[in-house]
Amino acid sequence: MKELITCASLAVLAFAGCSSSSPEDFGAAEVSLGSVPSLLEIDYDDTANTITLTDGTITTVLPVRPAAFYDTPGFFGYYQGSGGPSYASRGETSTGSGYAISVISADTASNVAGAVFGRLGDTTMPTSGTAQYTGDYVAWVATSSDNVGQYLIYGDATLDVDFDSAMVDGLITNRTDNFSAGNPLNDLTFETTSISDGGFTGTTSGGAFALAGWTAAAGEYGGVFTGADGQEIAGGVQVTHVRSGTALVEAGAFIVED
């Protein structure tokens, strides 16, 4: 099986799913968030276990990193150093019907710092009650000017969903920088937002690096419900961190389950 994700415009989250005759039933959806060039395709090949970035002319292939060097809880790490370093992390839900990829690349062909995530099959959304979804978060951090990788972040993701009001919010906690001797980061808040068409988009707050001088601008997050009964969520995040004129982009992905 391959996932072929054609991403839309920069910093735009666009659901490509189609709803059925019931408003609670939703089909496959492909989503991009962050700085993802309009012509870029991101292709996962589970036979070769590679992630491919291509703009139709130049192709960058990221093999899985040997010895689990960039693996984090719930996600496998991928890397390609030629032509400009490229990094990615990919996770999938327990049923295999949802996936999320965080990717940054300084390769001039791809030049990406964002997330892609989606739903591969149909899901039926609950219409009442509440649920808490928990799981894993990962993010690659790159310089905003050229998308050169700087840090790998991982943590715990929790989303609270109220199906009666069709609202969702959440937190990313226990955020740790894997490249700086376990430097802790502040919690990242998913502000309350509405659920529509089997998914959602919203804004973030907090999440700054726990070092003097760094601030985190309001970011964005999004997700899609997956699984037969909407029991899983795959999603992405983008946050910009600033200190003394230097800007870093955090391109994150999360997988959570009820």
C-alpha atoms as a PDB file:
ATOM      1  CA  MET A   1       0.000   0.000   0.000  1.00  0.00           C
ATOM      2  CA  LYS A   2       1.128   3.528  -0.754  1.00  0.00           C
ATOM      3  CA  GLU A   3      -0.166   6.828   0.542  1.00  0.00           C
ATOM      4  CA  LEU A   4       0.023   9.572  -2.089  1.00  0.00           C
ATOM      5  CA  ILE A   5      -0.513  13.022  -0.653  1.00  0.00           C
ATOM      6  CA  THR A   6      -0.800  16.005  -2.957  1.00  0.00           C
ATOM      7  CA  CYS A   7      -0.559  19.067  -0.762  1.00  0.00           C
ATOM      8  CA  ALA A   8      -2.377  22.305  -1.461  1.00  0.00           C
ATOM      9  CA  SER A   9      -1.254  25.876  -0.900  1.00  0.00           C
ATOM     10  CA  LEU A  10       1.131  27.183   1.746  1.00  0.00           C
ATOM     11  CA  ALA A  11      -0.148  27.242   5.297  1.00  0.00           C
ATOM     12  CA  VAL A  12      -3.578  26.036   4.185  1.00  0.00           C
ATOM     13  CA  LEU A  13      -5.378  23.073   5.718  1.00  0.00           C
ATOM     14  CA  ALA A  14      -7.707  21.538   3.125  1.00  0.00           C
ATOM     15  CA  PHE A  15      -9.857  18.464   3.648  1.00  0.00           C
ATOM     16  CA  ALA A  16     -10.202  16.334   0.549  1.00  0.00           C
ATOM     17  CA  GLY A  17     -12.652  13.825   2.023  1.00  0.00           C
ATOM     18  CA  CYS A  18     -16.151  13.187   0.745  1.00  0.00           C
ATOM     19  CA  SER A  19     -19.087  12.710   3.071  1.00  0.00           C
ATOM     20  CA  SER A  20     -21.723  10.070   2.382  1.00  0.00           C
ATOM     21  CA  SER A  21     -25.506  10.429   2.586  1.00  0.00           C
ATOM     22  CA  SER A  22     -25.287  10.389   6.389  1.00  0.00           C
ATOM     23  CA  PRO A  23     -23.722  13.548   7.838  1.00  0.00           C
ATOM     24  CA  GLU A  24     -21.820  11.443  10.395  1.00  0.00           C
ATOM     25  CA  ASP A  25     -20.108   9.206   7.809  1.00  0.00           C
ATOM     26  CA  PHE A  26     -16.922  10.388   6.123  1.00  0.00           C
ATOM     27  CA  GLY A  27     -14.583   8.924   3.532  1.00  0.00           C
ATOM     28  CA  ALA A  28     -10.872   9.228   2.826  1.00  0.00           C
ATOM     29  CA  ALA A  29      -9.223  12.604   3.434  1.00  0.00           C
ATOM     30  CA  GLU A  30      -5.752  13.997   2.699  1.00  0.00           C
ATOM     31  CA  VAL A  31      -4.550  17.064   4.561  1.00  0.00           C
ATOM     32  CA  SER A  32      -1.522  19.358   4.627  1.00  0.00           C
ATOM     33  CA  LEU A  33      -0.547  21.947   7.219  1.00  0.00           C
ATOM     34  CA  GLY A  34       2.350  24.391   7.293  1.00  0.00           C
ATOM     35  CA  SER A  35       4.835  25.364   4.591  1.00  0.00           C
ATOM     36  CA  VAL A  36       4.224  22.676   1.963  1.00  0.00           C
ATOM     37  CA  PRO A  37       4.834  23.732  -1.684  1.00  0.00           C
ATOM     38  CA  SER A  38       1.782  23.398  -3.906  1.00  0.00           C
ATOM     39  CA  LEU A  39       3.475  21.017  -6.380  1.00  0.00           C
ATOM     40  CA  LEU A  40       5.085  18.800  -3.763  1.00  0.00           C
ATOM     41  CA  GLU A  41       3.970  15.195  -3.439  1.00  0.00           C
ATOM     42  CA  ILE A  42       4.817  13.137  -0.353  1.00  0.00           C
ATOM     43  CA  ASP A  43       4.628   9.406  -0.967  1.00  0.00           C
ATOM     44  CA  TYR A  44       5.042   6.665   1.637  1.00  0.00           C
ATOM     45  CA  ASP A  45       5.964   3.202   0.348  1.00  0.00           C
ATOM     46  CA  ASP A  46       5.444   0.562   3.027  1.00  0.00           C
ATOM     47  CA  THR A  47       7.232  -2.125   0.991  1.00  0.00           C
ATOM     48  CA  ALA A  48      10.480  -0.160   0.754  1.00  0.00           C
ATOM     49  CA  ASN A  49       9.733   1.703   4.019  1.00  0.00           C
ATOM     50  CA  THR A  50      10.670   5.041   2.453  1.00  0.00           C
ATOM     51  CA  ILE A  51       9.194   8.514   2.227  1.00  0.00           C
ATOM     52  CA  THR A  52       9.588  10.269  -1.128  1.00  0.00           C
ATOM     53  CA  LEU A  53       9.408  14.011  -1.763  1.00  0.00           C
ATOM     54  CA  THR A  54       8.957  15.039  -5.387  1.00  0.00           C
ATOM     55  CA  ASP A  55       7.986  18.185  -7.252  1.00  0.00           C
ATOM     56  CA  GLY A  56       7.607  16.340 -10.556  1.00  0.00           C
ATOM     57  CA  THR A  57      11.171  17.097 -11.624  1.00  0.00           C
ATOM     58  CA  ILE A  58      13.490  16.285  -8.713  1.00  0.00           C
ATOM     59  CA  THR A  59      12.896  13.451  -6.259  1.00  0.00           C
ATOM     60  CA  THR A  60      14.290  13.032  -2.741  1.00  0.00           C
ATOM     61  CA  VAL A  61      13.957   9.598  -1.133  1.00  0.00           C
ATOM     62  CA  LEU A  62      14.191   9.310   2.664  1.00  0.00           C
ATOM     63  CA  PRO A  63      14.944   5.770   3.874  1.00  0.00           C
ATOM     64  CA  VAL A  64      14.138   4.771   7.431  1.00  0.00           C
ATOM     65  CA  ARG A  65      17.045   5.726   9.709  1.00  0.00           C
ATOM     66  CA  PRO A  66      19.103   2.643  10.718  1.00  0.00           C
ATOM     67  CA  ALA A  67      19.313   1.573  14.362  1.00  0.00           C
ATOM     68  CA  ALA A  68      16.169   3.581  15.192  1.00  0.00           C
ATOM     69  CA  PHE A  69      18.347   6.696  15.499  1.00  0.00           C
ATOM     70  CA  TYR A  70      15.461   9.149  14.947  1.00  0.00           C
ATOM     71  CA  ASP A  71      12.632   6.943  16.203  1.00  0.00           C
ATOM     72  CA  THR A  72      10.392   8.322  18.951  1.00  0.00           C
ATOM     73  CA  PRO A  73       7.398   6.733  20.716  1.00  0.00           C
ATOM     74  CA  GLY A  74       4.774   5.938  18.077  1.00  0.00           C
ATOM     75  CA  PHE A  75       6.850   7.238  15.134  1.00  0.00           C
ATOM     76  CA  PHE A  76       9.630   5.982  12.860  1.00  0.00           C
ATOM     77  CA  GLY A  77      12.378   8.363  11.723  1.00  0.00           C
ATOM     78  CA  TYR A  78      13.605   8.916   8.140  1.00  0.00           C
ATOM     79  CA  TYR A  79      16.618  10.819   6.820  1.00  0.00           C
ATOM     80  CA  GLN A  80      18.392  11.776   3.588  1.00  0.00           C
ATOM     81  CA  GLY A  81      21.547  13.865   3.691  1.00  0.00           C
ATOM     82  CA  SER A  82      22.343  14.460   0.027  1.00  0.00           C
ATOM     83  CA  GLY A  83      21.115  17.545  -1.819  1.00  0.00           C
ATOM     84  CA  GLY A  84      20.242  19.306   1.430  1.00  0.00           C
ATOM     85  CA  PRO A  85      19.296  17.428   4.626  1.00  0.00           C
ATOM     86  CA  SER A  86      15.749  16.060   4.830  1.00  0.00           C
ATOM     87  CA  TYR A  87      14.100  14.593   7.928  1.00  0.00           C
ATOM     88  CA  ALA A  88      10.716  12.982   8.510  1.00  0.00           C
ATOM     89  CA  SER A  89       8.809  11.062  11.155  1.00  0.00           C
ATOM     90  CA  ARG A  90       5.803   8.897  10.370  1.00  0.00           C
ATOM     91  CA  GLY A  91       3.215   7.219  12.585  1.00  0.00           C
ATOM     92  CA  GLU A  92      -0.037   5.401  11.976  1.00  0.00           C
ATOM     93  CA  THR A  93      -3.086   4.486  14.027  1.00  0.00           C
ATOM     94  CA  SER A  94      -3.643   0.997  15.447  1.00  0.00           C
ATOM     95  CA  THR A  95      -6.161   0.115  12.731  1.00  0.00           C
ATOM     96  CA  GLY A  96      -3.871   1.419   9.993  1.00  0.00           C
ATOM     97  CA  SER A  97      -6.611   3.725   8.726  1.00  0.00           C
ATOM     98  CA  GLY A  98      -4.901   6.949   9.798  1.00  0.00           C
ATOM     99  CA  TYR A  99      -1.375   8.330   9.411  1.00  0.00           C
ATOM    100  CA  ALA A 100       0.613  11.464  10.196  1.00  0.00           C
ATOM    101  CA  ILE A 101       3.986  12.660   8.871  1.00  0.00           C
ATOM    102  CA  SER A 102       6.190  15.497  10.122  1.00  0.00           C
ATOM    103  CA  VAL A 103       8.697  16.535   7.463  1.00  0.00           C
ATOM    104  CA  ILE A 104      11.350  19.206   6.963  1.00  0.00           C
ATOM    105  CA  SER A 105      13.731  19.488   4.034  1.00  0.00           C
ATOM    106  CA  ALA A 106      16.382  22.000   3.002  1.00  0.00           C
ATOM    107  CA  ASP A 107      16.570  20.424  -0.439  1.00  0.00           C
ATOM    108  CA  THR A 108      15.829  23.182  -2.951  1.00  0.00           C
ATOM    109  CA  ALA A 109      13.390  20.918  -4.789  1.00  0.00           C
ATOM    110  CA  SER A 110      11.159  20.184  -1.811  1.00  0.00           C
ATOM    111  CA  ASN A 111      11.912  23.002   0.666  1.00  0.00           C
ATOM    112  CA  VAL A 112       9.222  21.933   3.100  1.00  0.00           C
ATOM    113  CA  ALA A 113       8.500  22.373   6.795  1.00  0.00           C
ATOM    114  CA  GLY A 114       5.087  21.001   7.594  1.00  0.00           C
ATOM    115  CA  ALA A 115       2.875  18.041   8.308  1.00  0.00           C
ATOM    116  CA  VAL A 116       0.651  15.791   6.245  1.00  0.00           C
ATOM    117  CA  PHE A 117      -1.968  13.480   7.707  1.00  0.00           C
ATOM    118  CA  GLY A 118      -5.059  11.663   6.617  1.00  0.00           C
ATOM    119  CA  ARG A 119      -7.784   9.053   6.782  1.00  0.00           C
ATOM    120  CA  LEU A 120      -7.478   6.100   4.419  1.00  0.00           C
ATOM    121  CA  GLY A 121     -10.945   4.591   4.835  1.00  0.00           C
ATOM    122  CA  ASP A 122     -14.447   5.403   6.014  1.00  0.00           C
ATOM    123  CA  THR A 123     -15.272   6.500   9.543  1.00  0.00           C
ATOM    124  CA  THR A 124     -18.572   6.993  11.350  1.00  0.00           C
ATOM    125  CA  MET A 125     -18.450   9.837  13.839  1.00  0.00           C
ATOM    126  CA  PRO A 126     -20.213   9.617  17.223  1.00  0.00           C
ATOM    127  CA  THR A 127     -22.933  12.234  17.634  1.00  0.00           C
ATOM    128  CA  SER A 128     -23.142  12.353  21.424  1.00  0.00           C
ATOM    129  CA  GLY A 129     -21.014  11.901  24.522  1.00  0.00           C
ATOM    130  CA  THR A 130     -17.428  12.816  25.318  1.00  0.00           C
ATOM    131  CA  ALA A 131     -14.098  11.070  24.830  1.00  0.00           C
ATOM    132  CA  GLN A 132     -10.455  11.585  25.682  1.00  0.00           C
ATOM    133  CA  TYR A 133      -7.867  10.583  23.109  1.00  0.00           C
ATOM    134  CA  THR A 134      -4.252   9.987  24.154  1.00  0.00           C
ATOM    135  CA  GLY A 135      -1.087   9.132  22.275  1.00  0.00           C
ATOM    136  CA  ASP A 136       2.196  10.424  20.901  1.00  0.00           C
ATOM    137  CA  TYR A 137       3.573  13.625  19.407  1.00  0.00           C
ATOM    138  CA  VAL A 138       6.699  14.266  17.355  1.00  0.00           C
ATOM    139  CA  ALA A 139       8.054  17.383  15.657  1.00  0.00           C
ATOM    140  CA  TRP A 140      11.017  18.437  13.588  1.00  0.00           C
ATOM    141  CA  VAL A 141      12.264  21.999  14.139  1.00  0.00           C
ATOM    142  CA  ALA A 142      13.936  23.908  11.294  1.00  0.00           C
ATOM    143  CA  THR A 143      15.219  27.408  10.651  1.00  0.00           C
ATOM    144  CA  SER A 144      12.393  29.318   8.973  1.00  0.00           C
ATOM    145  CA  SER A 145      14.650  30.856   6.308  1.00  0.00           C
ATOM    146  CA  ASP A 146      15.932  27.640   4.733  1.00  0.00           C
ATOM    147  CA  ASN A 147      14.291  24.697   6.564  1.00  0.00           C
ATOM    148  CA  VAL A 148      17.604  23.334   7.856  1.00  0.00           C
ATOM    149  CA  GLY A 149      16.893  20.871  10.657  1.00  0.00           C
ATOM    150  CA  GLN A 150      17.776  21.896  14.211  1.00  0.00           C
ATOM    151  CA  TYR A 151      15.896  19.755  16.734  1.00  0.00           C
ATOM    152  CA  LEU A 152      13.702  16.698  17.155  1.00  0.00           C
ATOM    153  CA  ILE A 153      10.930  17.064  19.730  1.00  0.00           C
ATOM    154  CA  TYR A 154       8.654  14.380  21.154  1.00  0.00           C
ATOM    155  CA  GLY A 155       5.971  14.306  23.827  1.00  0.00           C
ATOM    156  CA  ASP A 156       2.523  13.143  24.906  1.00  0.00           C
ATOM    157  CA  ALA A 157      -0.668  14.212  23.138  1.00  0.00           C
ATOM    158  CA  THR A 158      -4.116  14.444  24.761  1.00  0.00           C
ATOM    159  CA  LEU A 159      -7.279  15.613  22.988  1.00  0.00           C
ATOM    160  CA  ASP A 160     -10.668  16.036  24.679  1.00  0.00           C
ATOM    161  CA  VAL A 161     -13.702  15.769  22.423  1.00  0.00           C
ATOM    162  CA  ASP A 162     -17.303  16.772  23.145  1.00  0.00           C
ATOM    163  CA  PHE A 163     -19.420  15.170  20.456  1.00  0.00           C
ATOM    164  CA  ASP A 164     -22.622  16.818  21.726  1.00  0.00           C
ATOM    165  CA  SER A 165     -21.274  20.280  20.935  1.00  0.00           C
ATOM    166  CA  ALA A 166     -18.860  19.086  18.214  1.00  0.00           C
ATOM    167  CA  MET A 167     -15.872  20.718  19.896  1.00  0.00           C
ATOM    168  CA  VAL A 168     -12.282  19.611  20.590  1.00  0.00           C
ATOM    169  CA  ASP A 169      -9.273  20.909  22.522  1.00  0.00           C
ATOM    170  CA  GLY A 170      -6.037  19.424  23.795  1.00  0.00           C
ATOM    171  CA  LEU A 171      -2.488  19.572  25.106  1.00  0.00           C
ATOM    172  CA  ILE A 172       0.980  18.383  24.144  1.00  0.00           C
ATOM    173  CA  THR A 173       2.847  17.698  27.399  1.00  0.00           C
ATOM    174  CA  ASN A 174       6.201  16.263  28.454  1.00  0.00           C
ATOM    175  CA  ARG A 175       7.773  17.951  25.427  1.00  0.00           C
ATOM    176  CA  THR A 176      11.459  17.050  25.188  1.00  0.00           C
ATOM    177  CA  ASP A 177      14.208  18.125  22.796  1.00  0.00           C
ATOM    178  CA  ASN A 178      16.050  14.985  21.743  1.00  0.00           C
ATOM    179  CA  PHE A 179      19.179  16.839  20.568  1.00  0.00           C
ATOM    180  CA  SER A 180      19.976  18.985  23.615  1.00  0.00           C
ATOM    181  CA  ALA A 181      20.429  16.590  26.511  1.00  0.00           C
ATOM    182  CA  GLY A 182      16.689  16.280  27.111  1.00  0.00           C
ATOM    183  CA  ASN A 183      15.962  20.007  27.298  1.00  0.00           C
ATOM    184  CA  PRO A 184      12.319  20.364  28.473  1.00  0.00           C
ATOM    185  CA  LEU A 185       9.870  22.551  26.584  1.00  0.00           C
ATOM    186  CA  ASN A 186       6.694  24.256  27.755  1.00  0.00           C
ATOM    187  CA  ASP A 187       3.343  22.574  27.174  1.00  0.00           C
ATOM    188  CA  LEU A 188       1.591  23.331  23.880  1.00  0.00           C
ATOM    189  CA  THR A 189      -2.143  24.077  24.134  1.00  0.00           C
ATOM    190  CA  PHE A 190      -4.696  23.243  21.440  1.00  0.00           C
ATOM    191  CA  GLU A 191      -7.340  25.922  21.842  1.00  0.00           C
ATOM    192  CA  THR A 192     -10.975  24.844  21.634  1.00  0.00           C
ATOM    193  CA  THR A 193     -12.257  24.573  18.073  1.00  0.00           C
ATOM    194  CA  SER A 194     -15.206  23.068  16.228  1.00  0.00           C
ATOM    195  CA  ILE A 195     -15.409  19.706  14.473  1.00  0.00           C
ATOM    196  CA  SER A 196     -16.613  19.713  10.867  1.00  0.00           C
ATOM    197  CA  ASP A 197     -16.654  17.123   8.062  1.00  0.00           C
ATOM    198  CA  GLY A 198     -14.854  14.529  10.167  1.00  0.00           C
ATOM    199  CA  GLY A 199     -11.966  16.793  11.121  1.00  0.00           C
ATOM    200  CA  PHE A 200     -10.978  20.086  12.675  1.00  0.00           C
ATOM    201  CA  THR A 201      -8.550  23.005  12.536  1.00  0.00           C
ATOM    202  CA  GLY A 202      -7.642  25.402  15.318  1.00  0.00           C
ATOM    203  CA  THR A 203      -4.968  27.573  16.892  1.00  0.00           C
ATOM    204  CA  THR A 204      -2.281  26.782  19.464  1.00  0.00           C
ATOM    205  CA  SER A 205      -0.843  28.759  22.358  1.00  0.00           C
ATOM    206  CA  GLY A 206       2.219  28.291  24.559  1.00  0.00           C
ATOM    207  CA  GLY A 207       4.840  25.698  23.754  1.00  0.00           C
ATOM    208  CA  ALA A 208       7.875  27.988  23.962  1.00  0.00           C
ATOM    209  CA  PHE A 209      11.389  26.625  24.405  1.00  0.00           C
ATOM    210  CA  ALA A 210      12.256  26.663  28.102  1.00  0.00           C
ATOM    211  CA  LEU A 211      15.326  28.835  27.478  1.00  0.00           C
ATOM    212  CA  ALA A 212      15.776  32.556  28.090  1.00  0.00           C
ATOM    213  CA  GLY A 213      14.483  34.840  25.368  1.00  0.00           C
ATOM    214  CA  TRP A 214      12.429  32.401  23.309  1.00  0.00           C
ATOM    215  CA  THR A 215       8.746  33.054  22.622  1.00  0.00           C
ATOM    216  CA  ALA A 216       6.230  30.984  20.689  1.00  0.00           C
ATOM    217  CA  ALA A 217       3.778  32.721  18.391  1.00  0.00           C
ATOM    218  CA  ALA A 218       0.256  31.389  18.082  1.00  0.00           C
ATOM    219  CA  GLY A 219       0.380  28.355  15.814  1.00  0.00           C
ATOM    220  CA  GLU A 220      -2.122  26.062  14.159  1.00  0.00           C
ATOM    221  CA  TYR A 221      -3.210  22.455  14.514  1.00  0.00           C
ATOM    222  CA  GLY A 222      -5.568  20.123  12.711  1.00  0.00           C
ATOM    223  CA  GLY A 223      -6.721  16.534  12.663  1.00  0.00           C
ATOM    224  CA  VAL A 224      -8.999  13.937  11.130  1.00  0.00           C
ATOM    225  CA  PHE A 225     -10.956  11.204  12.874  1.00  0.00           C
ATOM    226  CA  THR A 226     -10.117   7.698  11.679  1.00  0.00           C
ATOM    227  CA  GLY A 227     -11.128   4.131  12.412  1.00  0.00           C
ATOM    228  CA  ALA A 228     -14.537   2.573  11.847  1.00  0.00           C
ATOM    229  CA  ASP A 229     -16.086   4.477  14.763  1.00  0.00           C
ATOM    230  CA  GLY A 230     -13.909   7.593  14.862  1.00  0.00           C
ATOM    231  CA  GLN A 231     -11.895   6.101  17.716  1.00  0.00           C
ATOM    232  CA  GLU A 232      -8.581   7.482  16.431  1.00  0.00           C
ATOM    233  CA  ILE A 233      -7.250  10.887  15.376  1.00  0.00           C
ATOM    234  CA  ALA A 234      -4.275  11.682  13.138  1.00  0.00           C
ATOM    235  CA  GLY A 235      -3.116  15.272  12.975  1.00  0.00           C
ATOM    236  CA  GLY A 236      -0.461  17.918  12.518  1.00  0.00           C
ATOM    237  CA  VAL A 237       0.892  21.088  14.133  1.00  0.00           C
ATOM    238  CA  GLN A 238       2.945  24.119  13.150  1.00  0.00           C
ATOM    239  CA  VAL A 239       4.376  26.673  15.603  1.00  0.00           C
ATOM    240  CA  THR A 240       6.931  29.447  15.045  1.00  0.00           C
ATOM    241  CA  HIS A 241       9.515  30.156  17.788  1.00  0.00           C
ATOM    242  CA  VAL A 242      11.319  33.518  17.869  1.00  0.00           C
ATOM    243  CA  ARG A 243      14.329  34.916  19.733  1.00  0.00           C
ATOM    244  CA  SER A 244      16.317  38.075  18.831  1.00  0.00           C
ATOM    245  CA  GLY A 245      15.239  37.975  15.212  1.00  0.00           C
ATOM    246  CA  THR A 246      15.886  34.252  14.788  1.00  0.00           C
ATOM    247  CA  ALA A 247      12.839  32.184  13.818  1.00  0.00           C
ATOM    248  CA  LEU A 248      12.458  28.413  14.070  1.00  0.00           C
ATOM    249  CA  VAL A 249       9.512  26.451  12.718  1.00  0.00           C
ATOM    250  CA  GLU A 250       8.164  23.433  14.617  1.00  0.00           C
ATOM    251  CA  ALA A 251       6.448  21.007  12.233  1.00  0.00           C
ATOM    252  CA  GLY A 252       4.647  18.386  14.308  1.00  0.00           C
ATOM    253  CA  ALA A 253       2.461  15.308  13.954  1.00  0.00           C
ATOM    254  CA  PHE A 254       0.366  13.349  16.421  1.00  0.00           C
ATOM    255  CA  ILE A 255      -1.526  10.057  16.671  1.00  0.00           C
ATOM    256  CA  VAL A 256      -4.085   9.650  19.467  1.00  0.00           C
ATOM    257  CA  GLU A 257      -6.695   7.007  20.258  1.00  0.00           C
ATOM    258  CA  ASP A 258      -9.731   6.690  22.505  1.00  0.00           C
END
